Structures are given as structure tokens and as C-alpha cells.
Amino acid sequence: MSQDLEQLTALNRDYVASVQNCDVKRFDEILAPEFYCSNPDKTLVDRAAFLEQTARPIAIRNLHAFDVIIRIMGDFAIIHAATSYTTEDGQQATGRYTDCWAKKNGTWLAVSAHVSR
């Protein structure tokens, strides 16, 4: 269980960094084929659309996750966290996300995400 916690902690850091850095390559490695994301604008996107939106530059900066809670239930895990970031006009803002992960053939992959701001 501690190895899974370490892996998910690192994957969570990678996920947040990939959002900030528009890292499509890293997302391509850690998203399951059946991945879906509920965006802050209430749209639901599949994996392909998520990778497409990730490739576009984002207006926020200094994105950080805090109050991270990782719950592991066998080969399934849920990560809850809060975020802080700076908006395009320099304002400080916060949000939340919930990511679901499944362990497939020994590898953790993100299967779902829900982001709110």
C-alpha cells in the first residue's frame, strides 16, 4: 500500500505540473484510454479532447495543489485536493479537483477527473 501511495503522490504532482506546463506527452502516458474530464465550464471531454485542450496555452500560472487526500481502495484510488493559482490578471484564486485512478497491469492510470474553480 505504501508503494501505491508513493506512486499516486508522484502521479498527482505530475498531473498538476502537466496542466500548468501544457504537457500533452506526460498526459498521454498517464491517462487511461477511457479517461473523461468534467471541466470547470461544465463541459465533459473525453481523452482525445482533453489532450487537445491541454495543448493550448493556459492563462493561469503558479498552479499548486494542497490539502491532498489520497484514498486507495485496492486497484482503485481517488485523489481530492484544493488548488491555488494566479489568474491572467494577477488575482489569486482557488479551486478543487477530484481525480480517479485505476491500477491496470500494475500501472496506475487516470480514468476520470473533475475540476472546479
C-alpha atoms as a PDB file:
ATOM      1  CA  MET A   1       0.000   0.000   0.000  1.00  0.00           C
ATOM      2  CA  SER A   2       2.828   2.453   0.775  1.00  0.00           C
ATOM      3  CA  GLN A   3       4.312   1.867  -2.705  1.00  0.00           C
ATOM      4  CA  ASP A   4       0.924   2.672  -4.255  1.00  0.00           C
ATOM      5  CA  LEU A   5       0.685   5.814  -2.121  1.00  0.00           C
ATOM      6  CA  GLU A   6       4.154   6.921  -3.260  1.00  0.00           C
ATOM      7  CA  GLN A   7       3.268   6.273  -6.911  1.00  0.00           C
ATOM      8  CA  LEU A   8      -0.039   8.122  -6.681  1.00  0.00           C
ATOM      9  CA  THR A   9       1.596  11.036  -4.869  1.00  0.00           C
ATOM     10  CA  ALA A  10       4.127  11.356  -7.701  1.00  0.00           C
ATOM     11  CA  LEU A  11       1.421  10.958 -10.356  1.00  0.00           C
ATOM     12  CA  ASN A  12      -0.654  13.659  -8.704  1.00  0.00           C
ATOM     13  CA  ARG A  13       2.336  16.026  -8.801  1.00  0.00           C
ATOM     14  CA  ASP A  14       2.892  15.116 -12.468  1.00  0.00           C
ATOM     15  CA  TYR A  15      -0.778  15.705 -13.287  1.00  0.00           C
ATOM     16  CA  VAL A  16      -0.809  19.199 -11.761  1.00  0.00           C
ATOM     17  CA  ALA A  17       2.541  20.081 -13.375  1.00  0.00           C
ATOM     18  CA  SER A  18       1.255  18.805 -16.724  1.00  0.00           C
ATOM     19  CA  VAL A  19      -1.753  21.117 -16.509  1.00  0.00           C
ATOM     20  CA  GLN A  20       0.488  24.116 -15.756  1.00  0.00           C
ATOM     21  CA  ASN A  21       3.037  23.211 -18.446  1.00  0.00           C
ATOM     22  CA  CYS A  22       0.609  22.019 -21.161  1.00  0.00           C
ATOM     23  CA  ASP A  23       2.451  18.689 -21.134  1.00  0.00           C
ATOM     24  CA  VAL A  24       0.446  16.591 -23.588  1.00  0.00           C
ATOM     25  CA  LYS A  25       3.198  13.958 -23.729  1.00  0.00           C
ATOM     26  CA  ARG A  26       3.027  13.238 -19.992  1.00  0.00           C
ATOM     27  CA  PHE A  27      -0.773  13.179 -20.026  1.00  0.00           C
ATOM     28  CA  ASP A  28      -0.642  10.732 -22.928  1.00  0.00           C
ATOM     29  CA  GLU A  29       1.378   8.421 -20.659  1.00  0.00           C
ATOM     30  CA  ILE A  30      -0.833   8.636 -17.551  1.00  0.00           C
ATOM     31  CA  LEU A  31      -4.396   8.819 -18.912  1.00  0.00           C
ATOM     32  CA  ALA A  32      -6.393   5.633 -19.447  1.00  0.00           C
ATOM     33  CA  PRO A  33      -7.979   5.143 -22.885  1.00  0.00           C
ATOM     34  CA  GLU A  34     -11.432   5.596 -21.282  1.00  0.00           C
ATOM     35  CA  PHE A  35     -10.484   8.854 -19.464  1.00  0.00           C
ATOM     36  CA  TYR A  36     -13.086  11.622 -19.134  1.00  0.00           C
ATOM     37  CA  CYS A  37     -12.830  15.055 -17.525  1.00  0.00           C
ATOM     38  CA  SER A  38     -15.528  17.389 -16.197  1.00  0.00           C
ATOM     39  CA  ASN A  39     -14.128  20.870 -16.841  1.00  0.00           C
ATOM     40  CA  PRO A  40     -14.750  23.993 -14.744  1.00  0.00           C
ATOM     41  CA  ASP A  41     -17.014  25.318 -17.554  1.00  0.00           C
ATOM     42  CA  LYS A  42     -19.237  22.235 -17.045  1.00  0.00           C
ATOM     43  CA  THR A  43     -18.204  20.541 -20.299  1.00  0.00           C
ATOM     44  CA  LEU A  44     -17.387  16.847 -20.314  1.00  0.00           C
ATOM     45  CA  VAL A  45     -14.457  15.863 -22.535  1.00  0.00           C
ATOM     46  CA  ASP A  46     -13.015  12.505 -23.477  1.00  0.00           C
ATOM     47  CA  ARG A  47      -9.318  11.674 -23.569  1.00  0.00           C
ATOM     48  CA  ALA A  48      -8.719  12.999 -27.096  1.00  0.00           C
ATOM     49  CA  ALA A  49     -10.474  16.306 -26.392  1.00  0.00           C
ATOM     50  CA  PHE A  50      -8.642  16.636 -23.063  1.00  0.00           C
ATOM     51  CA  LEU A  51      -5.260  16.192 -24.776  1.00  0.00           C
ATOM     52  CA  GLU A  52      -6.323  18.729 -27.398  1.00  0.00           C
ATOM     53  CA  GLN A  53      -7.309  21.313 -24.759  1.00  0.00           C
ATOM     54  CA  THR A  54      -4.110  20.603 -22.813  1.00  0.00           C
ATOM     55  CA  ALA A  55      -2.019  21.526 -25.851  1.00  0.00           C
ATOM     56  CA  ARG A  56      -3.435  25.070 -25.794  1.00  0.00           C
ATOM     57  CA  PRO A  57      -1.609  27.604 -23.593  1.00  0.00           C
ATOM     58  CA  ILE A  58      -3.357  28.333 -20.302  1.00  0.00           C
ATOM     59  CA  ALA A  59      -3.800  31.755 -18.772  1.00  0.00           C
ATOM     60  CA  ILE A  60      -3.213  30.731 -15.158  1.00  0.00           C
ATOM     61  CA  ARG A  61       0.200  30.454 -13.514  1.00  0.00           C
ATOM     62  CA  ASN A  62       1.692  29.306 -10.210  1.00  0.00           C
ATOM     63  CA  LEU A  63      -0.705  26.354 -10.012  1.00  0.00           C
ATOM     64  CA  HIS A  64      -0.219  24.410  -6.777  1.00  0.00           C
ATOM     65  CA  ALA A  65      -2.165  21.610  -5.120  1.00  0.00           C
ATOM     66  CA  PHE A  66      -2.628  21.446  -1.349  1.00  0.00           C
ATOM     67  CA  ASP A  67      -4.745  19.576   1.188  1.00  0.00           C
ATOM     68  CA  VAL A  68      -4.258  16.474  -0.944  1.00  0.00           C
ATOM     69  CA  ILE A  69      -6.155  13.384   0.211  1.00  0.00           C
ATOM     70  CA  ILE A  70      -5.357  10.081  -1.488  1.00  0.00           C
ATOM     71  CA  ARG A  71      -7.733   7.189  -0.822  1.00  0.00           C
ATOM     72  CA  ILE A  72      -6.692   3.766  -2.101  1.00  0.00           C
ATOM     73  CA  MET A  73      -9.272   1.010  -2.430  1.00  0.00           C
ATOM     74  CA  GLY A  74      -7.489  -1.965  -3.927  1.00  0.00           C
ATOM     75  CA  ASP A  75      -6.807  -1.242  -7.596  1.00  0.00           C
ATOM     76  CA  PHE A  76      -8.814   1.999  -7.500  1.00  0.00           C
ATOM     77  CA  ALA A  77      -7.893   5.344  -5.953  1.00  0.00           C
ATOM     78  CA  ILE A  78      -9.483   8.751  -5.539  1.00  0.00           C
ATOM     79  CA  ILE A  79      -7.455  11.915  -5.091  1.00  0.00           C
ATOM     80  CA  HIS A  80      -9.136  15.028  -3.670  1.00  0.00           C
ATOM     81  CA  ALA A  81      -7.250  18.317  -3.484  1.00  0.00           C
ATOM     82  CA  ALA A  82      -7.521  22.063  -3.408  1.00  0.00           C
ATOM     83  CA  THR A  83      -5.596  24.320  -5.765  1.00  0.00           C
ATOM     84  CA  SER A  84      -4.256  27.831  -5.712  1.00  0.00           C
ATOM     85  CA  TYR A  85      -3.164  29.770  -8.769  1.00  0.00           C
ATOM     86  CA  THR A  86      -2.720  33.239 -10.216  1.00  0.00           C
ATOM     87  CA  THR A  87      -5.201  34.346 -12.862  1.00  0.00           C
ATOM     88  CA  GLU A  88      -4.260  36.096 -16.088  1.00  0.00           C
ATOM     89  CA  ASP A  89      -4.977  39.484 -14.491  1.00  0.00           C
ATOM     90  CA  GLY A  90      -2.806  38.730 -11.444  1.00  0.00           C
ATOM     91  CA  GLN A  91      -5.556  37.807  -8.972  1.00  0.00           C
ATOM     92  CA  GLN A  92      -5.100  34.936  -6.531  1.00  0.00           C
ATOM     93  CA  ALA A  93      -7.727  32.200  -6.914  1.00  0.00           C
ATOM     94  CA  THR A  94      -8.514  28.736  -5.646  1.00  0.00           C
ATOM     95  CA  GLY A  95     -10.255  25.621  -6.898  1.00  0.00           C
ATOM     96  CA  ARG A  96     -10.722  21.917  -6.247  1.00  0.00           C
ATOM     97  CA  TYR A  97     -10.297  18.702  -8.159  1.00  0.00           C
ATOM     98  CA  THR A  98     -11.089  15.045  -7.785  1.00  0.00           C
ATOM     99  CA  ASP A  99      -9.166  12.515  -9.862  1.00  0.00           C
ATOM    100  CA  CYS A 100      -9.927   8.806 -10.069  1.00  0.00           C
ATOM    101  CA  TRP A 101      -7.173   6.317 -10.827  1.00  0.00           C
ATOM    102  CA  ALA A 102      -7.271   2.607 -11.714  1.00  0.00           C
ATOM    103  CA  LYS A 103      -4.355   0.192 -11.475  1.00  0.00           C
ATOM    104  CA  LYS A 104      -4.174  -1.812 -14.697  1.00  0.00           C
ATOM    105  CA  ASN A 105      -1.493  -4.436 -15.221  1.00  0.00           C
ATOM    106  CA  GLY A 106       0.456  -2.923 -12.321  1.00  0.00           C
ATOM    107  CA  THR A 107       0.298   0.658 -13.637  1.00  0.00           C
ATOM    108  CA  TRP A 108      -1.826   3.471 -12.227  1.00  0.00           C
ATOM    109  CA  LEU A 109      -3.765   5.402 -14.909  1.00  0.00           C
ATOM    110  CA  ALA A 110      -6.146   8.341 -14.514  1.00  0.00           C
ATOM    111  CA  VAL A 111      -9.651   7.326 -15.564  1.00  0.00           C
ATOM    112  CA  SER A 112     -11.622  10.399 -14.525  1.00  0.00           C
ATOM    113  CA  ALA A 113     -11.171  13.997 -13.401  1.00  0.00           C
ATOM    114  CA  HIS A 114     -13.490  16.711 -12.135  1.00  0.00           C
ATOM    115  CA  VAL A 115     -12.183  20.269 -11.843  1.00  0.00           C
ATOM    116  CA  SER A 116     -13.902  23.281 -10.276  1.00  0.00           C
ATOM    117  CA  ARG A 117     -12.778  26.878  -9.948  1.00  0.00           C
END
